[in-house]
């Protein structure tokens, strides 16, 4: 038998050992805490006042988002995370039919309280994982490992991370920024192009609920739109533009129905093997960087922009200067957002750009205005390149450097920064 043939079982064995350790750790933690305490510890941090009703149409997206988040926070090995997501989601969908404690008493189809739903997920996911520690399940644990394209039960080889993110509350009383980073977006949502990546940055205002809603719902809504393509080989910009537009508008429509006052800006990136698609509302931005390319992809939707001002006034709104900024009806300093149901002139129709990727493109930086309003793009570019070239610099520390730079330059706002590598780190050369 060749050395390569010997290596595959060895890798499988090592990854399976990691998975067994993860399950054993789950069992130990469960034994040390009561179920309610575990559920509270592992659910996404929200208080009883920071919640909303989840309709039956929104339920699956919330389950997927919560399970994926918790598998990551519990330290689930990457090689087993995807199948655990799919199988546990299927199980929890069935269990939820009998979990009346999550439902909100309303007429018509069932609705669920978000916070109760997340606690239910934490508790039931733990039970699902504990069942896998039973001796009768040992021989079947390998079935939870990722499949390779050949269909063999073989774990993926270790890969260096290709993205990192950081966020700080800074001076405001509450943290209203949110972000989502899904390296395995295509696999998670069963897209024809499996190696599709998704990243989103959301800057909430008047509360964080709209940003939280977009974080969990937009990936599902976009995936649903992408799967409607009758010709999977069709990668025309118009198809992706329409998919993003439908996803943004539906997210806005559903959240608006909740009559919650908050809203959020949104900048989303969809990355395939050869293409980058960006859609946005508001003033969060996306910077594409390469040796010959430094391109700010976003033109912010500000009320004082002539085209936005004309649209707002045609819709019956006004643009007034208040508190040092131009604002829609003297209230909101962006012309487009998801949410903000009380401001009819503020719309959720996104702008869209697409870029064909090539070997000259190195990385993408997404961020909220708390970053971009205070840090020059040239500084961002230089900092990321220099940091990537420094072998002692951890990838996770790079967005923290950008955030600290914004704070030093007197940014008072919440700050979020996401750095997405478009090639392996060792292939990116310093400027």
Protein backbone atom coordinates (compact mmCIF):
# COMPACT_ATOMS: atom_id res chain seq x y z
CA UNK A 1 0.00 0.00 0.00
CA UNK A 2 1.33 3.43 -0.90
CA UNK A 3 2.16 6.15 1.60
CA UNK A 4 -0.70 8.28 0.23
CA UNK A 5 -3.16 5.47 0.79
CA UNK A 6 -1.93 5.10 4.37
CA UNK A 7 -2.29 8.84 4.95
CA UNK A 8 -6.04 9.02 4.30
CA UNK A 9 -7.11 6.61 7.10
CA UNK A 10 -4.63 8.36 9.41
CA UNK A 11 -6.26 11.73 8.69
CA UNK A 12 -9.72 10.21 9.11
CA UNK A 13 -8.66 8.70 12.40
CA UNK A 14 -7.25 11.99 13.72
CA UNK A 15 -10.38 13.91 12.80
CA UNK A 16 -12.61 11.22 14.28
CA UNK A 17 -10.64 11.41 17.52
CA UNK A 18 -11.26 15.18 17.57
CA UNK A 19 -14.97 14.58 17.05
CA UNK A 20 -15.11 12.07 19.90
CA UNK A 21 -13.33 14.54 22.17
CA UNK A 22 -15.87 17.20 21.22
CA UNK A 23 -18.76 14.87 22.08
CA UNK A 24 -17.12 13.85 25.36
CA UNK A 25 -16.67 17.51 26.25
CA UNK A 26 -20.35 18.14 25.52
CA UNK A 27 -21.29 15.29 27.86
CA UNK A 28 -19.05 16.63 30.63
CA UNK A 29 -20.51 20.11 30.39
CA UNK A 30 -24.05 18.73 30.39
CA UNK A 31 -23.32 16.77 33.54
CA UNK A 32 -22.04 19.90 35.25
CA UNK A 33 -25.02 22.16 34.54
CA UNK A 34 -28.79 21.94 34.44
CA UNK A 35 -30.46 22.13 31.03
CA UNK A 36 -31.83 25.65 31.44
CA UNK A 37 -28.43 27.03 32.40
CA UNK A 38 -26.82 25.37 29.39
CA UNK A 39 -29.51 26.74 27.09
CA UNK A 40 -29.01 30.26 28.41
CA UNK A 41 -25.26 30.01 28.09
CA UNK A 42 -25.28 28.86 24.50
CA UNK A 43 -28.06 30.89 22.93
CA UNK A 44 -27.24 34.01 20.97
CA UNK A 45 -27.01 36.85 23.48
CA UNK A 46 -30.36 38.54 23.51
CA UNK A 47 -32.50 39.74 26.41
CA UNK A 48 -36.24 39.28 26.81
CA UNK A 49 -36.75 42.78 25.40
CA UNK A 50 -34.52 42.04 22.40
CA UNK A 51 -36.72 39.56 20.57
CA UNK A 52 -39.33 39.24 17.85
CA UNK A 53 -41.96 36.80 16.64
CA UNK A 54 -40.77 34.23 14.13
CA UNK A 55 -43.31 33.08 11.54
CA UNK A 56 -43.46 29.59 10.10
CA UNK A 57 -41.85 30.98 6.91
CA UNK A 58 -38.93 32.35 8.94
CA UNK A 59 -38.49 29.40 11.31
CA UNK A 60 -36.10 27.29 9.23
CA UNK A 61 -33.68 30.17 8.68
CA UNK A 62 -33.59 30.90 12.42
CA UNK A 63 -32.93 27.23 13.20
CA UNK A 64 -30.09 26.99 10.68
CA UNK A 65 -28.54 30.23 11.93
CA UNK A 66 -28.78 29.26 15.60
CA UNK A 67 -27.51 25.70 15.12
CA UNK A 68 -24.57 26.79 12.96
CA UNK A 69 -23.64 29.46 15.51
CA UNK A 70 -23.84 27.04 18.41
CA UNK A 71 -21.86 24.29 16.72
CA UNK A 72 -19.13 26.86 16.19
CA UNK A 73 -19.27 28.26 19.73
CA UNK A 74 -19.21 24.74 21.19
CA UNK A 75 -16.03 23.98 19.25
CA UNK A 76 -17.42 21.39 16.86
CA UNK A 77 -14.66 20.15 14.50
CA UNK A 78 -15.07 21.67 11.05
CA UNK A 79 -15.02 18.29 9.31
CA UNK A 80 -18.22 17.23 11.07
CA UNK A 81 -20.05 20.54 11.33
CA UNK A 82 -21.94 20.48 8.04
CA UNK A 83 -23.61 17.10 8.45
CA UNK A 84 -24.39 17.83 12.07
CA UNK A 85 -26.09 21.02 10.88
CA UNK A 86 -28.24 19.22 8.33
CA UNK A 87 -29.20 16.27 10.53
CA UNK A 88 -29.82 18.24 13.69
CA UNK A 89 -31.88 20.82 11.78
CA UNK A 90 -34.07 18.04 10.41
CA UNK A 91 -34.47 16.56 13.91
CA UNK A 92 -35.23 19.88 15.57
CA UNK A 93 -37.81 20.73 12.90
CA UNK A 94 -39.66 17.58 13.95
CA UNK A 95 -39.21 18.25 17.67
CA UNK A 96 -40.48 21.81 17.32
CA UNK A 97 -43.89 20.53 16.25
CA UNK A 98 -44.37 19.42 19.86
CA UNK A 99 -42.60 22.33 21.59
CA UNK A 100 -45.60 24.48 22.36
CA UNK A 101 -43.61 26.43 24.94
CA UNK A 102 -41.85 28.26 22.07
CA UNK A 103 -45.05 29.41 20.44
CA UNK A 104 -46.63 32.81 20.88
CA UNK A 105 -50.37 32.73 21.35
CA UNK A 106 -51.79 34.22 18.18
CA UNK A 107 -54.53 33.39 15.74
CA UNK A 108 -53.59 31.64 12.52
CA UNK A 109 -50.33 29.79 11.76
CA UNK A 110 -47.96 29.28 14.71
CA UNK A 111 -45.43 31.95 15.55
CA UNK A 112 -42.43 31.56 17.81
CA UNK A 113 -40.66 33.85 20.23
CA UNK A 114 -37.08 34.24 18.99
CA UNK A 115 -35.43 34.04 22.41
CA UNK A 116 -37.43 30.95 23.41
CA UNK A 117 -36.67 29.39 20.03
CA UNK A 118 -32.93 29.90 20.51
CA UNK A 119 -33.05 28.40 24.00
CA UNK A 120 -34.97 25.45 22.60
CA UNK A 121 -32.28 24.97 19.94
CA UNK A 122 -29.51 25.08 22.57
CA UNK A 123 -31.24 22.50 24.74
CA UNK A 124 -32.30 20.14 21.95
CA UNK A 125 -28.97 20.36 20.14
CA UNK A 126 -27.25 19.28 23.32
CA UNK A 127 -29.58 16.30 23.59
CA UNK A 128 -28.87 15.43 19.95
CA UNK A 129 -25.12 15.50 20.58
CA UNK A 130 -25.41 13.52 23.81
CA UNK A 131 -27.16 10.71 21.96
CA UNK A 132 -24.06 10.37 19.78
CA UNK A 133 -21.98 9.53 22.85
CA UNK A 134 -23.92 6.29 23.35
CA UNK A 135 -21.79 3.21 22.75
CA UNK A 136 -24.23 2.00 20.10
CA UNK A 137 -23.45 5.08 17.99
CA UNK A 138 -19.66 4.78 17.95
CA UNK A 139 -19.45 2.88 14.67
CA UNK A 140 -21.70 5.44 12.97
CA UNK A 141 -19.85 8.57 13.99
CA UNK A 142 -17.75 8.49 10.82
CA UNK A 143 -20.97 8.98 8.86
CA UNK A 144 -21.04 12.56 10.14
CA UNK A 145 -17.75 13.38 8.44
CA UNK A 146 -17.75 15.47 5.27
CA UNK A 147 -17.99 13.72 1.93
CA UNK A 148 -15.39 14.42 -0.69
CA UNK A 149 -16.42 14.94 -4.29
CA UNK A 150 -15.60 11.27 -4.96
CA UNK A 151 -18.24 10.26 -2.46
CA UNK A 152 -15.84 8.48 -0.07
CA UNK A 153 -16.14 8.97 3.68
CA UNK A 154 -12.98 11.02 3.90
CA UNK A 155 -12.40 14.08 6.01
CA UNK A 156 -11.32 17.33 4.40
CA UNK A 157 -7.69 18.26 4.72
CA UNK A 158 -6.96 21.09 7.11
CA UNK A 159 -7.17 24.50 5.48
CA UNK A 160 -5.93 27.84 6.67
CA UNK A 161 -8.75 30.29 7.48
CA UNK A 162 -9.72 32.61 4.66
CA UNK A 163 -11.65 35.24 6.61
CA UNK A 164 -11.73 36.96 9.97
CA UNK A 165 -13.97 39.52 11.66
CA UNK A 166 -14.08 41.75 14.72
CA UNK A 167 -16.56 44.20 16.22
CA UNK A 168 -16.72 46.58 19.19
CA UNK A 169 -19.57 48.45 20.84
CA UNK A 170 -17.37 51.54 21.34
CA UNK A 171 -19.12 54.62 22.78
CA UNK A 172 -22.85 53.94 22.13
CA UNK A 173 -24.94 52.42 24.91
CA UNK A 174 -25.80 49.33 22.84
CA UNK A 175 -24.11 47.21 20.20
CA UNK A 176 -26.31 47.35 17.11
CA UNK A 177 -23.83 46.06 14.49
CA UNK A 178 -24.07 42.44 13.33
CA UNK A 179 -22.12 40.39 10.80
CA UNK A 180 -22.31 36.93 9.28
CA UNK A 181 -19.44 34.99 7.71
CA UNK A 182 -20.35 31.75 5.90
CA UNK A 183 -17.36 30.17 4.18
CA UNK A 184 -19.51 27.12 3.41
CA UNK A 185 -22.63 28.97 2.29
CA UNK A 186 -23.09 26.85 -0.85
CA UNK A 187 -22.84 23.59 1.09
CA UNK A 188 -25.01 24.80 3.96
CA UNK A 189 -27.90 25.74 1.68
CA UNK A 190 -27.47 23.10 -1.03
CA UNK A 191 -26.53 25.40 -3.92
CA UNK A 192 -25.41 23.92 -7.26
CA UNK A 193 -22.08 25.77 -6.89
CA UNK A 194 -20.97 24.28 -3.58
CA UNK A 195 -17.89 26.47 -3.07
CA UNK A 196 -19.90 29.69 -2.78
CA UNK A 197 -19.03 32.00 0.13
CA UNK A 198 -21.29 34.62 1.76
CA UNK A 199 -20.42 37.57 4.02
CA UNK A 200 -22.64 40.32 5.36
CA UNK A 201 -22.23 43.38 7.58
CA UNK A 202 -25.28 45.05 9.11
CA UNK A 203 -25.34 48.38 10.97
CA UNK A 204 -28.53 48.62 13.00
CA UNK A 205 -30.19 51.79 14.24
CA UNK A 206 -33.00 52.43 16.74
CA UNK A 207 -32.21 48.96 18.11
CA UNK A 208 -30.45 45.83 16.90
CA UNK A 209 -33.43 43.68 15.92
CA UNK A 210 -33.44 44.50 12.22
CA UNK A 211 -29.70 43.76 12.00
CA UNK A 212 -30.17 40.50 13.91
CA UNK A 213 -33.06 39.57 11.64
CA UNK A 214 -31.06 40.25 8.47
CA UNK A 215 -28.13 38.21 9.77
CA UNK A 216 -30.20 35.04 10.07
CA UNK A 217 -32.78 35.56 7.32
CA UNK A 218 -30.89 37.08 4.37
CA UNK A 219 -28.61 34.06 3.75
CA UNK A 220 -31.62 31.75 3.57
CA UNK A 221 -33.64 34.13 1.39
CA UNK A 222 -30.75 34.62 -1.02
CA UNK A 223 -30.10 30.88 -1.21
CA UNK A 224 -33.78 30.28 -1.96
CA UNK A 225 -33.60 32.75 -4.82
CA UNK A 226 -30.38 31.25 -6.20
CA UNK A 227 -31.94 27.78 -6.23
CA UNK A 228 -34.78 28.98 -8.46
CA UNK A 229 -32.37 29.24 -11.38
CA UNK A 230 -33.66 26.82 -14.07
CA UNK A 231 -30.23 26.89 -15.69
CA UNK A 232 -27.47 26.48 -13.05
CA UNK A 233 -24.85 27.37 -15.65
CA UNK A 234 -26.42 30.84 -15.97
CA UNK A 235 -24.11 33.13 -14.02
CA UNK A 236 -25.26 36.35 -15.64
CA UNK A 237 -25.07 39.46 -13.43
CA UNK A 238 -28.78 40.09 -13.98
CA UNK A 239 -29.69 36.77 -12.37
CA UNK A 240 -27.63 37.54 -9.26
CA UNK A 241 -28.86 41.14 -9.18
CA UNK A 242 -32.48 39.94 -9.21
CA UNK A 243 -31.74 37.30 -6.57
CA UNK A 244 -30.24 39.86 -4.21
CA UNK A 245 -33.03 42.35 -4.85
CA UNK A 246 -35.73 39.76 -4.14
CA UNK A 247 -33.97 38.65 -0.94
CA UNK A 248 -33.51 42.22 0.37
CA UNK A 249 -37.08 43.24 -0.42
CA UNK A 250 -38.60 40.12 1.11
CA UNK A 251 -36.51 40.53 4.26
CA UNK A 252 -37.70 44.13 4.50
CA UNK A 253 -41.33 43.19 3.88
CA UNK A 254 -41.35 40.46 6.52
CA UNK A 255 -39.56 42.54 9.14
CA UNK A 256 -41.74 45.57 8.43
CA UNK A 257 -44.82 43.45 9.18
CA UNK A 258 -43.53 43.09 12.75
CA UNK A 259 -43.94 46.85 13.28
CA UNK A 260 -40.59 47.10 15.07
CA UNK A 261 -39.02 50.54 14.80
CA UNK A 262 -35.43 49.47 14.13
CA UNK A 263 -33.70 49.33 10.76
CA UNK A 264 -30.32 48.34 9.39
CA UNK A 265 -27.89 49.08 6.61
CA UNK A 266 -26.57 46.03 4.80
CA UNK A 267 -23.61 45.20 2.60
CA UNK A 268 -23.39 41.60 1.40
CA UNK A 269 -20.74 39.77 -0.61
CA UNK A 270 -21.30 36.55 -2.53
CA UNK A 271 -18.10 34.96 -3.79
CA UNK A 272 -17.90 32.14 -6.32
CA UNK A 273 -14.78 30.72 -7.94
CA UNK A 274 -14.48 33.45 -10.54
CA UNK A 275 -16.95 36.15 -9.52
CA UNK A 276 -17.69 38.62 -6.75
CA UNK A 277 -21.20 40.01 -6.27
CA UNK A 278 -21.91 42.91 -3.88
CA UNK A 279 -25.34 44.22 -2.88
CA UNK A 280 -26.04 46.98 -0.37
CA UNK A 281 -28.43 49.45 1.19
CA UNK A 282 -27.16 52.31 3.33
CA UNK A 283 -23.59 53.35 4.05
CA UNK A 284 -21.66 50.24 5.08
CA UNK A 285 -18.94 49.63 2.50
CA UNK A 286 -16.85 47.00 0.70
CA UNK A 287 -13.27 47.56 -0.50
CA UNK A 288 -11.75 45.18 -3.08
CA UNK A 289 -7.95 45.15 -3.02
CA UNK A 290 -5.23 43.74 -5.25
CA UNK A 291 -1.83 44.73 -6.58
CA UNK A 292 -3.39 46.64 -9.47
CA UNK A 293 -6.86 47.11 -7.97
CA UNK A 294 -8.04 49.18 -5.03
CA UNK A 295 -11.73 49.68 -5.63
CA UNK A 296 -14.43 50.93 -3.27
CA UNK A 297 -17.43 49.02 -4.56
CA UNK A 298 -20.14 50.87 -2.63
CA UNK A 299 -21.67 54.26 -3.31
CA UNK A 300 -23.44 55.01 0.00
CA UNK A 301 -27.15 55.77 -0.01
CA UNK A 302 -27.14 59.19 1.68
CA UNK A 303 -30.22 61.46 1.71
CA UNK A 304 -28.27 64.44 0.34
CA UNK A 305 -27.26 62.58 -2.83
CA UNK A 306 -29.21 64.29 -5.67
CA UNK A 307 -30.77 61.07 -7.01
CA UNK A 308 -31.75 59.85 -3.53
CA UNK A 309 -33.09 63.26 -2.51
CA UNK A 310 -35.27 63.41 -5.63
CA UNK A 311 -36.61 59.90 -4.99
CA UNK A 312 -37.35 60.68 -1.32
CA UNK A 313 -39.20 63.91 -2.11
CA UNK A 314 -41.16 62.25 -4.93
CA UNK A 315 -42.27 59.63 -2.38
CA UNK A 316 -43.57 62.36 -0.07
CA UNK A 317 -40.60 62.53 2.28
CA UNK A 318 -38.27 65.40 3.08
CA UNK A 319 -34.51 65.77 3.49
CA UNK A 320 -33.59 68.01 6.42
CA UNK A 321 -30.32 68.94 8.07
CA UNK A 322 -30.50 67.89 11.71
CA UNK A 323 -27.90 67.01 14.36
CA UNK A 324 -25.08 67.80 11.94
CA UNK A 325 -26.26 65.48 9.13
CA UNK A 326 -28.75 65.34 6.31
CA UNK A 327 -31.65 63.05 7.33
CA UNK A 328 -34.82 61.60 5.87
CA UNK A 329 -37.69 63.49 7.54
CA UNK A 330 -35.05 64.85 9.91
CA UNK A 331 -34.64 61.37 11.44
CA UNK A 332 -32.54 58.86 9.49
CA UNK A 333 -29.14 59.64 7.95
CA UNK A 334 -29.34 56.91 5.26
CA UNK A 335 -31.75 56.83 2.34
CA UNK A 336 -32.10 53.04 2.10
CA UNK A 337 -32.29 50.33 4.73
CA UNK A 338 -33.99 47.10 5.76
CA UNK A 339 -36.73 47.87 8.29
CA UNK A 340 -37.71 51.42 9.30
CA UNK A 341 -41.37 50.71 8.56
CA UNK A 342 -42.44 54.21 9.67
CA UNK A 343 -40.35 55.92 6.97
CA UNK A 344 -42.03 55.08 3.67
CA UNK A 345 -39.51 57.07 1.63
CA UNK A 346 -36.69 54.82 2.90
CA UNK A 347 -36.55 51.75 0.66
CA UNK A 348 -34.79 48.38 0.77
CA UNK A 349 -34.03 48.07 -2.94
CA UNK A 350 -30.28 47.36 -3.08
CA UNK A 351 -27.67 48.61 -5.47
CA UNK A 352 -25.50 45.91 -6.99
CA UNK A 353 -22.08 45.45 -8.58
CA UNK A 354 -20.28 42.40 -9.91
CA UNK A 355 -16.57 41.93 -10.48
CA UNK A 356 -14.83 39.14 -12.31
CA UNK A 357 -12.11 37.86 -10.01
CA UNK A 358 -8.60 37.04 -11.17
CA UNK A 359 -5.18 36.29 -9.73
CA UNK A 360 -4.55 40.01 -9.14
CA UNK A 361 -7.28 40.25 -6.48
CA UNK A 362 -6.04 39.59 -2.95
CA UNK A 363 -8.69 40.46 -0.36
CA UNK A 364 -11.98 42.17 0.42
CA UNK A 365 -12.73 44.37 3.45
CA UNK A 366 -16.32 44.90 4.60
CA UNK A 367 -17.14 47.37 7.34
CA UNK A 368 -19.69 49.68 8.91
CA UNK A 369 -19.45 53.46 8.74
CA UNK A 370 -17.83 53.46 12.17
CA UNK A 371 -14.75 52.20 10.35
CA UNK A 372 -14.88 53.89 6.96
CA UNK A 373 -15.79 57.38 8.20
CA UNK A 374 -12.55 57.57 10.20
CA UNK A 375 -9.91 55.34 8.61
CA UNK A 376 -8.56 56.18 5.14
CA UNK A 377 -8.77 53.37 2.63
CA UNK A 378 -5.03 53.68 2.01
CA UNK A 379 -4.40 52.91 5.68
CA UNK A 380 -6.68 49.86 5.53
CA UNK A 381 -4.84 48.54 2.47
CA UNK A 382 -1.36 49.09 3.92
CA UNK A 383 -2.30 47.62 7.31
CA UNK A 384 -3.81 44.45 5.87
CA UNK A 385 -0.92 43.84 3.46
CA UNK A 386 1.74 44.43 6.14
CA UNK A 387 -0.10 42.24 8.63
CA UNK A 388 -0.53 39.39 6.16
CA UNK A 389 3.19 39.51 5.40
CA UNK A 390 4.10 39.30 9.11
CA UNK A 391 4.32 35.60 10.06
CA UNK A 392 3.86 36.48 13.74
CA UNK A 393 0.56 38.24 13.08
CA UNK A 394 -2.55 36.13 13.60
CA UNK A 395 -5.25 36.58 10.99
CA UNK A 396 -7.83 37.28 13.71
CA UNK A 397 -5.82 40.28 14.90
CA UNK A 398 -5.97 42.14 11.58
CA UNK A 399 -9.54 43.53 11.84
CA UNK A 400 -8.80 44.45 15.45
CA UNK A 401 -5.98 46.69 14.21
CA UNK A 402 -8.42 48.43 11.86
CA UNK A 403 -10.92 48.94 14.67
CA UNK A 404 -8.28 50.35 17.01
CA UNK A 405 -7.21 52.75 14.27
CA UNK A 406 -10.81 53.97 13.92
CA UNK A 407 -11.09 54.50 17.68
CA UNK A 408 -7.80 56.41 17.74
CA UNK A 409 -9.21 58.65 15.00
CA UNK A 410 -12.20 59.49 17.23
CA UNK A 411 -14.82 57.07 15.90
CA UNK A 412 -17.69 57.14 18.40
CA UNK A 413 -19.88 54.56 16.65
CA UNK A 414 -20.15 50.78 16.80
CA UNK A 415 -17.40 49.39 14.56
CA UNK A 416 -17.37 46.15 12.57
CA UNK A 417 -14.66 44.97 10.18
CA UNK A 418 -14.54 41.77 8.10
CA UNK A 419 -11.44 40.78 6.12
CA UNK A 420 -11.97 38.14 3.42
CA UNK A 421 -8.96 36.59 1.66
CA UNK A 422 -9.47 35.77 -2.01
CA UNK A 423 -6.50 33.40 -2.11
CA UNK A 424 -4.39 31.55 0.48
CA UNK A 425 -2.42 33.87 2.75
CA UNK A 426 0.96 32.57 1.58
CA UNK A 427 0.10 33.62 -1.98
CA UNK A 428 -0.52 37.26 -1.05
CA UNK A 429 2.60 39.39 -1.40
CA UNK A 430 3.15 42.69 0.38
CA UNK A 431 2.85 45.87 -1.68
